[in-house]
């Protein structure tokens, strides 16, 4: 019909000219990703309560930009969206929620670290050890965040100081350190986390200590054990006098009481916290 030479046209644009933007859009469609899905993915990654370096890692992993050739090694080159790590992350979030997505992220992080340990140091970790390390890391991180978020609830306002006698006020003015303790119950993981933050008299961080034990304890018992760990840490690593803070009113009342308590909680107070 027309006397013209053949030429290449980009039929996804009206003018037939290829642009990077249109090429990227078509690429997303071919891989089963909707336009705007990356924005949703980034928002979800940003909502994760994980360490910053882990958030950066999981974002890179979901975008497929980690330096690895693992897919080629297993002869899987053309992945569908459901087979990709991106798809698995979305599925976990949609089916189980943010907390399980955080566990997913910690496990992925420790798999990556185990891969690097094997590659560079010939160190081999079993799958069970990798999962154990990931869960331990997650529980310690959550315990630490719980302590940090509740520090403002320990009652160190000036109004509290004015209610003390002169000897108590003098003691607080001369303490060398403060310890903030807390416990957290992780019902889904079947574990209890403990932790404390050590602060110098000038308000600077000295150290953060955290850990966990299998089993979900009674909240009062968990707070008492957390206090025990904090005092034990102070005994071995801190010099001079200091103050231990807890946001558990039940624990404070038990420590202030002269009554004998033969319950499991009372025995913990007497044998692990006071002695």
C-alpha atoms as a PDB file:
ATOM      1  CA  UNK A   1       0.000   0.000   0.000  1.00  0.00           C
ATOM      2  CA  UNK A   2       2.834   2.368   0.871  1.00  0.00           C
ATOM      3  CA  UNK A   3       6.168   2.494  -0.852  1.00  0.00           C
ATOM      4  CA  UNK A   4       8.481   2.598   2.166  1.00  0.00           C
ATOM      5  CA  UNK A   5      11.384   0.634   3.534  1.00  0.00           C
ATOM      6  CA  UNK A   6      10.973  -1.880   6.346  1.00  0.00           C
ATOM      7  CA  UNK A   7      12.083  -0.729   9.792  1.00  0.00           C
ATOM      8  CA  UNK A   8      11.920  -1.812  13.419  1.00  0.00           C
ATOM      9  CA  UNK A   9       9.099  -0.321  15.505  1.00  0.00           C
ATOM     10  CA  UNK A  10       8.312  -0.536  19.217  1.00  0.00           C
ATOM     11  CA  UNK A  11       4.613  -1.299  19.120  1.00  0.00           C
ATOM     12  CA  UNK A  12       4.134  -0.612  22.839  1.00  0.00           C
ATOM     13  CA  UNK A  13       4.442   3.130  22.163  1.00  0.00           C
ATOM     14  CA  UNK A  14       2.247   5.117  19.786  1.00  0.00           C
ATOM     15  CA  UNK A  15       5.207   6.711  18.063  1.00  0.00           C
ATOM     16  CA  UNK A  16       6.974   3.371  17.677  1.00  0.00           C
ATOM     17  CA  UNK A  17      10.035   4.549  19.577  1.00  0.00           C
ATOM     18  CA  UNK A  18      11.428   2.452  22.422  1.00  0.00           C
ATOM     19  CA  UNK A  19      11.843   4.067  25.837  1.00  0.00           C
ATOM     20  CA  UNK A  20      13.367   2.621  28.987  1.00  0.00           C
ATOM     21  CA  UNK A  21      10.161   3.373  30.886  1.00  0.00           C
ATOM     22  CA  UNK A  22       7.966   1.394  28.504  1.00  0.00           C
ATOM     23  CA  UNK A  23      10.505  -1.441  28.382  1.00  0.00           C
ATOM     24  CA  UNK A  24      10.515  -1.668  32.173  1.00  0.00           C
ATOM     25  CA  UNK A  25       6.717  -1.648  32.267  1.00  0.00           C
ATOM     26  CA  UNK A  26       6.471  -4.522  29.786  1.00  0.00           C
ATOM     27  CA  UNK A  27       9.143  -6.446  31.669  1.00  0.00           C
ATOM     28  CA  UNK A  28       7.082  -6.169  34.844  1.00  0.00           C
ATOM     29  CA  UNK A  29       4.000  -7.460  33.062  1.00  0.00           C
ATOM     30  CA  UNK A  30       5.907 -10.409  31.609  1.00  0.00           C
ATOM     31  CA  UNK A  31       7.117 -11.411  35.072  1.00  0.00           C
ATOM     32  CA  UNK A  32       3.621 -11.212  36.495  1.00  0.00           C
ATOM     33  CA  UNK A  33       4.188  -8.025  38.502  1.00  0.00           C
ATOM     34  CA  UNK A  34       1.535  -5.338  38.472  1.00  0.00           C
ATOM     35  CA  UNK A  35       2.397  -1.684  37.994  1.00  0.00           C
ATOM     36  CA  UNK A  36       2.778  -0.134  41.433  1.00  0.00           C
ATOM     37  CA  UNK A  37       3.453  -3.498  43.077  1.00  0.00           C
ATOM     38  CA  UNK A  38       7.032  -2.458  43.842  1.00  0.00           C
ATOM     39  CA  UNK A  39       5.728   0.499  45.843  1.00  0.00           C
ATOM     40  CA  UNK A  40       3.529  -1.851  47.875  1.00  0.00           C
ATOM     41  CA  UNK A  41       6.446  -4.226  48.369  1.00  0.00           C
ATOM     42  CA  UNK A  42       8.722  -1.435  49.581  1.00  0.00           C
ATOM     43  CA  UNK A  43       6.085  -0.220  52.049  1.00  0.00           C
ATOM     44  CA  UNK A  44       5.815  -3.706  53.480  1.00  0.00           C
ATOM     45  CA  UNK A  45       9.576  -4.093  53.759  1.00  0.00           C
ATOM     46  CA  UNK A  46       9.744  -0.695  55.484  1.00  0.00           C
ATOM     47  CA  UNK A  47       7.099  -1.813  58.008  1.00  0.00           C
ATOM     48  CA  UNK A  48       9.199  -4.784  59.108  1.00  0.00           C
ATOM     49  CA  UNK A  49      10.536  -4.451  62.659  1.00  0.00           C
ATOM     50  CA  UNK A  50      14.018  -5.685  61.773  1.00  0.00           C
ATOM     51  CA  UNK A  51      17.563  -4.247  61.968  1.00  0.00           C
ATOM     52  CA  UNK A  52      18.339  -1.698  59.207  1.00  0.00           C
ATOM     53  CA  UNK A  53      21.000  -3.896  57.592  1.00  0.00           C
ATOM     54  CA  UNK A  54      18.526  -6.773  57.443  1.00  0.00           C
ATOM     55  CA  UNK A  55      15.881  -4.550  55.859  1.00  0.00           C
ATOM     56  CA  UNK A  56      18.378  -3.514  53.208  1.00  0.00           C
ATOM     57  CA  UNK A  57      19.275  -7.163  52.618  1.00  0.00           C
ATOM     58  CA  UNK A  58      15.687  -8.361  52.246  1.00  0.00           C
ATOM     59  CA  UNK A  59      14.912  -5.538  49.823  1.00  0.00           C
ATOM     60  CA  UNK A  60      17.898  -6.481  47.678  1.00  0.00           C
ATOM     61  CA  UNK A  61      16.951 -10.147  47.866  1.00  0.00           C
ATOM     62  CA  UNK A  62      13.353  -9.467  46.838  1.00  0.00           C
ATOM     63  CA  UNK A  63      14.532  -7.340  43.922  1.00  0.00           C
ATOM     64  CA  UNK A  64      16.931 -10.075  42.815  1.00  0.00           C
ATOM     65  CA  UNK A  65      20.097  -7.986  43.010  1.00  0.00           C
ATOM     66  CA  UNK A  66      22.146 -10.060  45.454  1.00  0.00           C
ATOM     67  CA  UNK A  67      25.467 -11.236  43.965  1.00  0.00           C
ATOM     68  CA  UNK A  68      24.646 -14.907  43.457  1.00  0.00           C
ATOM     69  CA  UNK A  69      24.212 -17.406  40.646  1.00  0.00           C
ATOM     70  CA  UNK A  70      22.194 -19.926  42.624  1.00  0.00           C
ATOM     71  CA  UNK A  71      19.234 -19.996  40.223  1.00  0.00           C
ATOM     72  CA  UNK A  72      21.522 -20.852  37.326  1.00  0.00           C
ATOM     73  CA  UNK A  73      23.234 -23.570  39.335  1.00  0.00           C
ATOM     74  CA  UNK A  74      19.943 -25.386  39.846  1.00  0.00           C
ATOM     75  CA  UNK A  75      18.938 -24.910  36.212  1.00  0.00           C
ATOM     76  CA  UNK A  76      16.019 -22.607  37.099  1.00  0.00           C
ATOM     77  CA  UNK A  77      16.332 -19.527  34.940  1.00  0.00           C
ATOM     78  CA  UNK A  78      12.795 -18.410  34.076  1.00  0.00           C
ATOM     79  CA  UNK A  79      10.982 -18.037  37.382  1.00  0.00           C
ATOM     80  CA  UNK A  80       7.306 -17.242  37.729  1.00  0.00           C
ATOM     81  CA  UNK A  81       6.263 -14.674  40.293  1.00  0.00           C
ATOM     82  CA  UNK A  82       5.036 -17.444  42.612  1.00  0.00           C
ATOM     83  CA  UNK A  83       8.412 -19.210  42.519  1.00  0.00           C
ATOM     84  CA  UNK A  84      10.512 -16.124  43.197  1.00  0.00           C
ATOM     85  CA  UNK A  85      11.577 -14.922  46.637  1.00  0.00           C
ATOM     86  CA  UNK A  86       9.461 -11.841  45.967  1.00  0.00           C
ATOM     87  CA  UNK A  87       6.404 -14.038  45.475  1.00  0.00           C
ATOM     88  CA  UNK A  88       7.138 -16.121  48.561  1.00  0.00           C
ATOM     89  CA  UNK A  89       7.497 -13.003  50.693  1.00  0.00           C
ATOM     90  CA  UNK A  90       4.149 -11.648  49.467  1.00  0.00           C
ATOM     91  CA  UNK A  91       2.502 -14.995  50.110  1.00  0.00           C
ATOM     92  CA  UNK A  92       3.865 -15.200  53.659  1.00  0.00           C
ATOM     93  CA  UNK A  93       2.737 -11.638  54.402  1.00  0.00           C
ATOM     94  CA  UNK A  94      -0.741 -12.150  52.945  1.00  0.00           C
ATOM     95  CA  UNK A  95      -1.321 -15.548  54.569  1.00  0.00           C
ATOM     96  CA  UNK A  96       0.354 -15.105  57.952  1.00  0.00           C
ATOM     97  CA  UNK A  97       0.928 -11.381  58.558  1.00  0.00           C
ATOM     98  CA  UNK A  98       3.820  -9.088  59.389  1.00  0.00           C
ATOM     99  CA  UNK A  99       5.308 -11.004  62.329  1.00  0.00           C
ATOM    100  CA  UNK A 100       5.782 -14.174  60.298  1.00  0.00           C
ATOM    101  CA  UNK A 101       7.172 -12.063  57.439  1.00  0.00           C
ATOM    102  CA  UNK A 102       9.756 -10.786  59.930  1.00  0.00           C
ATOM    103  CA  UNK A 103      10.671 -14.377  60.801  1.00  0.00           C
ATOM    104  CA  UNK A 104      10.909 -15.081  57.052  1.00  0.00           C
ATOM    105  CA  UNK A 105      13.344 -12.174  56.733  1.00  0.00           C
ATOM    106  CA  UNK A 106      15.549 -13.308  59.625  1.00  0.00           C
ATOM    107  CA  UNK A 107      15.704 -16.856  58.252  1.00  0.00           C
ATOM    108  CA  UNK A 108      16.623 -15.541  54.789  1.00  0.00           C
ATOM    109  CA  UNK A 109      19.335 -13.356  56.343  1.00  0.00           C
ATOM    110  CA  UNK A 110      20.887 -16.283  58.202  1.00  0.00           C
ATOM    111  CA  UNK A 111      20.701 -18.517  55.131  1.00  0.00           C
ATOM    112  CA  UNK A 112      22.628 -15.821  53.268  1.00  0.00           C
ATOM    113  CA  UNK A 113      25.212 -15.572  56.057  1.00  0.00           C
ATOM    114  CA  UNK A 114      25.579 -19.364  56.127  1.00  0.00           C
ATOM    115  CA  UNK A 115      26.084 -19.332  52.371  1.00  0.00           C
ATOM    116  CA  UNK A 116      28.851 -16.737  52.723  1.00  0.00           C
ATOM    117  CA  UNK A 117      30.476 -18.632  55.596  1.00  0.00           C
ATOM    118  CA  UNK A 118      30.610 -21.741  53.439  1.00  0.00           C
ATOM    119  CA  UNK A 119      31.858 -19.862  50.390  1.00  0.00           C
ATOM    120  CA  UNK A 120      34.644 -17.910  52.091  1.00  0.00           C
ATOM    121  CA  UNK A 121      35.502 -19.911  55.220  1.00  0.00           C
ATOM    122  CA  UNK A 122      34.357 -23.455  54.321  1.00  0.00           C
ATOM    123  CA  UNK A 123      32.160 -23.363  57.435  1.00  0.00           C
ATOM    124  CA  UNK A 124      29.100 -25.601  57.243  1.00  0.00           C
ATOM    125  CA  UNK A 125      25.952 -25.071  59.312  1.00  0.00           C
ATOM    126  CA  UNK A 126      23.082 -27.537  59.383  1.00  0.00           C
ATOM    127  CA  UNK A 127      19.596 -26.324  58.401  1.00  0.00           C
ATOM    128  CA  UNK A 128      18.488 -26.771  62.016  1.00  0.00           C
ATOM    129  CA  UNK A 129      21.346 -24.581  63.266  1.00  0.00           C
ATOM    130  CA  UNK A 130      20.548 -21.890  60.703  1.00  0.00           C
ATOM    131  CA  UNK A 131      16.898 -21.792  61.765  1.00  0.00           C
ATOM    132  CA  UNK A 132      17.873 -21.792  65.452  1.00  0.00           C
ATOM    133  CA  UNK A 133      20.236 -18.861  64.899  1.00  0.00           C
ATOM    134  CA  UNK A 134      17.543 -16.980  62.992  1.00  0.00           C
ATOM    135  CA  UNK A 135      14.882 -17.475  65.676  1.00  0.00           C
ATOM    136  CA  UNK A 136      17.356 -16.541  68.436  1.00  0.00           C
ATOM    137  CA  UNK A 137      18.306 -13.375  66.568  1.00  0.00           C
ATOM    138  CA  UNK A 138      14.641 -12.462  66.063  1.00  0.00           C
ATOM    139  CA  UNK A 139      13.702 -12.953  69.722  1.00  0.00           C
ATOM    140  CA  UNK A 140      16.707 -10.977  70.951  1.00  0.00           C
ATOM    141  CA  UNK A 141      15.871  -8.137  68.565  1.00  0.00           C
ATOM    142  CA  UNK A 142      12.243  -8.014  69.705  1.00  0.00           C
ATOM    143  CA  UNK A 143      13.292  -8.074  73.362  1.00  0.00           C
ATOM    144  CA  UNK A 144      15.667  -5.177  72.780  1.00  0.00           C
ATOM    145  CA  UNK A 145      12.998  -3.131  70.997  1.00  0.00           C
ATOM    146  CA  UNK A 146      10.553  -3.796  73.799  1.00  0.00           C
ATOM    147  CA  UNK A 147      13.049  -2.476  76.349  1.00  0.00           C
ATOM    148  CA  UNK A 148      13.814   0.639  74.319  1.00  0.00           C
ATOM    149  CA  UNK A 149      10.148   1.430  73.726  1.00  0.00           C
ATOM    150  CA  UNK A 150       9.248   1.098  77.399  1.00  0.00           C
ATOM    151  CA  UNK A 151      12.145   3.076  78.904  1.00  0.00           C
ATOM    152  CA  UNK A 152       9.955   6.148  79.292  1.00  0.00           C
ATOM    153  CA  UNK A 153       7.611   4.183  81.562  1.00  0.00           C
ATOM    154  CA  UNK A 154      10.089   3.522  84.346  1.00  0.00           C
ATOM    155  CA  UNK A 155       9.150   6.553  86.410  1.00  0.00           C
ATOM    156  CA  UNK A 156      12.311   8.667  86.492  1.00  0.00           C
ATOM    157  CA  UNK A 157      10.413  11.976  86.403  1.00  0.00           C
ATOM    158  CA  UNK A 158      11.410  14.733  88.856  1.00  0.00           C
ATOM    159  CA  UNK A 159       8.053  14.350  90.620  1.00  0.00           C
ATOM    160  CA  UNK A 160       9.094  10.886  91.768  1.00  0.00           C
ATOM    161  CA  UNK A 161      12.383  12.182  93.157  1.00  0.00           C
ATOM    162  CA  UNK A 162      10.676  14.835  95.271  1.00  0.00           C
ATOM    163  CA  UNK A 163       8.731  12.101  97.078  1.00  0.00           C
ATOM    164  CA  UNK A 164      11.965  10.497  98.322  1.00  0.00           C
ATOM    165  CA  UNK A 165      13.786  11.290 101.517  1.00  0.00           C
ATOM    166  CA  UNK A 166      17.184  13.002 101.470  1.00  0.00           C
ATOM    167  CA  UNK A 167      19.199   9.779 101.627  1.00  0.00           C
ATOM    168  CA  UNK A 168      17.344   8.334  98.633  1.00  0.00           C
ATOM    169  CA  UNK A 169      17.771  11.528  96.631  1.00  0.00           C
ATOM    170  CA  UNK A 170      21.473  11.640  97.498  1.00  0.00           C
ATOM    171  CA  UNK A 171      21.875   8.025  96.374  1.00  0.00           C
ATOM    172  CA  UNK A 172      20.264   8.703  92.990  1.00  0.00           C
ATOM    173  CA  UNK A 173      22.499  11.702  92.438  1.00  0.00           C
ATOM    174  CA  UNK A 174      25.612   9.567  92.940  1.00  0.00           C
ATOM    175  CA  UNK A 175      24.793   6.395  91.033  1.00  0.00           C
ATOM    176  CA  UNK A 176      27.311   5.326  88.416  1.00  0.00           C
ATOM    177  CA  UNK A 177      24.924   3.442  86.149  1.00  0.00           C
ATOM    178  CA  UNK A 178      21.303   2.486  85.533  1.00  0.00           C
ATOM    179  CA  UNK A 179      19.873  -0.792  84.255  1.00  0.00           C
ATOM    180  CA  UNK A 180      16.500  -0.995  82.496  1.00  0.00           C
ATOM    181  CA  UNK A 181      15.047  -4.499  82.431  1.00  0.00           C
ATOM    182  CA  UNK A 182      12.116  -6.031  80.621  1.00  0.00           C
ATOM    183  CA  UNK A 183      10.693  -9.344  79.468  1.00  0.00           C
ATOM    184  CA  UNK A 184       8.630 -10.243  76.412  1.00  0.00           C
ATOM    185  CA  UNK A 185       6.409 -13.261  75.755  1.00  0.00           C
ATOM    186  CA  UNK A 186       6.440 -14.714  72.238  1.00  0.00           C
ATOM    187  CA  UNK A 187       3.465 -17.061  72.155  1.00  0.00           C
ATOM    188  CA  UNK A 188       3.771 -17.909  68.458  1.00  0.00           C
ATOM    189  CA  UNK A 189       7.412 -18.929  68.863  1.00  0.00           C
ATOM    190  CA  UNK A 190       6.871 -20.599  72.253  1.00  0.00           C
ATOM    191  CA  UNK A 191       9.615 -18.591  73.925  1.00  0.00           C
ATOM    192  CA  UNK A 192      10.243 -15.825  76.462  1.00  0.00           C
ATOM    193  CA  UNK A 193      12.726 -13.037  75.842  1.00  0.00           C
ATOM    194  CA  UNK A 194      14.743 -11.180  78.471  1.00  0.00           C
ATOM    195  CA  UNK A 195      16.908  -8.121  78.206  1.00  0.00           C
ATOM    196  CA  UNK A 196      18.438  -5.095  79.848  1.00  0.00           C
ATOM    197  CA  UNK A 197      19.978  -1.824  78.748  1.00  0.00           C
ATOM    198  CA  UNK A 198      22.896  -0.441  80.757  1.00  0.00           C
ATOM    199  CA  UNK A 199      23.178   3.345  80.844  1.00  0.00           C
ATOM    200  CA  UNK A 200      25.939   5.487  82.316  1.00  0.00           C
ATOM    201  CA  UNK A 201      25.292   8.339  84.738  1.00  0.00           C
ATOM    202  CA  UNK A 202      25.694  10.773  81.833  1.00  0.00           C
ATOM    203  CA  UNK A 203      22.943   9.028  79.873  1.00  0.00           C
ATOM    204  CA  UNK A 204      25.204   7.235  77.399  1.00  0.00           C
ATOM    205  CA  UNK A 205      24.795   3.619  76.366  1.00  0.00           C
ATOM    206  CA  UNK A 206      27.120   1.119  78.039  1.00  0.00           C
ATOM    207  CA  UNK A 207      25.790  -2.157  76.712  1.00  0.00           C
ATOM    208  CA  UNK A 208      22.648  -3.977  75.649  1.00  0.00           C
ATOM    209  CA  UNK A 209      22.156  -7.550  76.855  1.00  0.00           C
ATOM    210  CA  UNK A 210      19.379  -9.819  75.623  1.00  0.00           C
ATOM    211  CA  UNK A 211      18.494 -13.482  75.323  1.00  0.00           C
ATOM    212  CA  UNK A 212      15.615 -15.923  75.431  1.00  0.00           C
ATOM    213  CA  UNK A 213      14.494 -19.247  76.863  1.00  0.00           C
ATOM    214  CA  UNK A 214      12.161 -21.830  75.406  1.00  0.00           C
ATOM    215  CA  UNK A 215       8.690 -21.817  76.911  1.00  0.00           C
ATOM    216  CA  UNK A 216       6.191 -19.045  77.629  1.00  0.00           C
ATOM    217  CA  UNK A 217       6.415 -18.084  81.300  1.00  0.00           C
ATOM    218  CA  UNK A 218       3.960 -16.280  83.514  1.00  0.00           C
ATOM    219  CA  UNK A 219       4.486 -12.513  82.937  1.00  0.00           C
ATOM    220  CA  UNK A 220       5.449 -11.870  86.565  1.00  0.00           C
ATOM    221  CA  UNK A 221       7.920 -14.755  86.548  1.00  0.00           C
ATOM    222  CA  UNK A 222       9.408 -13.513  83.275  1.00  0.00           C
ATOM    223  CA  UNK A 223       9.926 -10.017  84.721  1.00  0.00           C
ATOM    224  CA  UNK A 224      11.600 -11.488  87.809  1.00  0.00           C
ATOM    225  CA  UNK A 225      13.981 -13.589  85.711  1.00  0.00           C
ATOM    226  CA  UNK A 226      14.799 -10.551  83.556  1.00  0.00           C
ATOM    227  CA  UNK A 227      15.655  -8.625  86.727  1.00  0.00           C
ATOM    228  CA  UNK A 228      17.849 -11.507  87.884  1.00  0.00           C
ATOM    229  CA  UNK A 229      19.775 -11.473  84.608  1.00  0.00           C
ATOM    230  CA  UNK A 230      20.260  -7.711  84.881  1.00  0.00           C
ATOM    231  CA  UNK A 231      21.576  -7.902  88.439  1.00  0.00           C
ATOM    232  CA  UNK A 232      23.854 -10.779  87.506  1.00  0.00           C
ATOM    233  CA  UNK A 233      25.249  -8.719  84.620  1.00  0.00           C
ATOM    234  CA  UNK A 234      25.800  -5.696  86.880  1.00  0.00           C
ATOM    235  CA  UNK A 235      27.589  -7.839  89.473  1.00  0.00           C
ATOM    236  CA  UNK A 236      30.116  -9.105  86.950  1.00  0.00           C
ATOM    237  CA  UNK A 237      30.603  -6.177  84.569  1.00  0.00           C
ATOM    238  CA  UNK A 238      29.618  -2.873  86.209  1.00  0.00           C
ATOM    239  CA  UNK A 239      31.543  -1.037  88.905  1.00  0.00           C
ATOM    240  CA  UNK A 240      30.224   1.137  91.703  1.00  0.00           C
ATOM    241  CA  UNK A 241      26.623   1.648  92.729  1.00  0.00           C
ATOM    242  CA  UNK A 242      23.657   1.741  90.410  1.00  0.00           C
ATOM    243  CA  UNK A 243      19.905   1.462  90.033  1.00  0.00           C
ATOM    244  CA  UNK A 244      17.840  -1.276  88.392  1.00  0.00           C
ATOM    245  CA  UNK A 245      14.548  -0.149  86.840  1.00  0.00           C
ATOM    246  CA  UNK A 246      11.571  -2.329  85.979  1.00  0.00           C
ATOM    247  CA  UNK A 247       8.116  -1.434  84.675  1.00  0.00           C
ATOM    248  CA  UNK A 248       6.537  -4.360  86.553  1.00  0.00           C
ATOM    249  CA  UNK A 249       4.548  -3.072  89.516  1.00  0.00           C
ATOM    250  CA  UNK A 250       4.017  -6.643  90.731  1.00  0.00           C
ATOM    251  CA  UNK A 251       7.777  -7.174  90.901  1.00  0.00           C
ATOM    252  CA  UNK A 252       8.354  -3.900  92.764  1.00  0.00           C
ATOM    253  CA  UNK A 253       5.679  -4.782  95.325  1.00  0.00           C
ATOM    254  CA  UNK A 254       7.143  -8.257  95.816  1.00  0.00           C
ATOM    255  CA  UNK A 255      10.632  -6.860  96.362  1.00  0.00           C
ATOM    256  CA  UNK A 256       9.292  -4.315  98.863  1.00  0.00           C
ATOM    257  CA  UNK A 257       7.210  -6.826 100.804  1.00  0.00           C
ATOM    258  CA  UNK A 258       8.420  -8.533 103.966  1.00  0.00           C
ATOM    259  CA  UNK A 259       5.887 -11.353 103.623  1.00  0.00           C
ATOM    260  CA  UNK A 260       7.050 -14.885 102.879  1.00  0.00           C
ATOM    261  CA  UNK A 261       5.864 -16.236  99.525  1.00  0.00           C
ATOM    262  CA  UNK A 262       6.308 -19.963  98.869  1.00  0.00           C
ATOM    263  CA  UNK A 263       4.917 -19.842  95.342  1.00  0.00           C
ATOM    264  CA  UNK A 264       7.148 -20.392  92.308  1.00  0.00           C
ATOM    265  CA  UNK A 265       7.184 -16.636  91.789  1.00  0.00           C
ATOM    266  CA  UNK A 266       8.121 -15.977  95.420  1.00  0.00           C
ATOM    267  CA  UNK A 267      10.945 -18.499  95.291  1.00  0.00           C
ATOM    268  CA  UNK A 268      12.370 -16.823  92.190  1.00  0.00           C
ATOM    269  CA  UNK A 269      12.238 -13.451  93.933  1.00  0.00           C
ATOM    270  CA  UNK A 270      13.967 -14.796  97.037  1.00  0.00           C
ATOM    271  CA  UNK A 271      16.568 -17.062  95.438  1.00  0.00           C
ATOM    272  CA  UNK A 272      17.394 -15.355  92.144  1.00  0.00           C
ATOM    273  CA  UNK A 273      16.664 -11.649  92.542  1.00  0.00           C
ATOM    274  CA  UNK A 274      17.332 -10.786  96.187  1.00  0.00           C
ATOM    275  CA  UNK A 275      20.205 -13.200  96.893  1.00  0.00           C
END
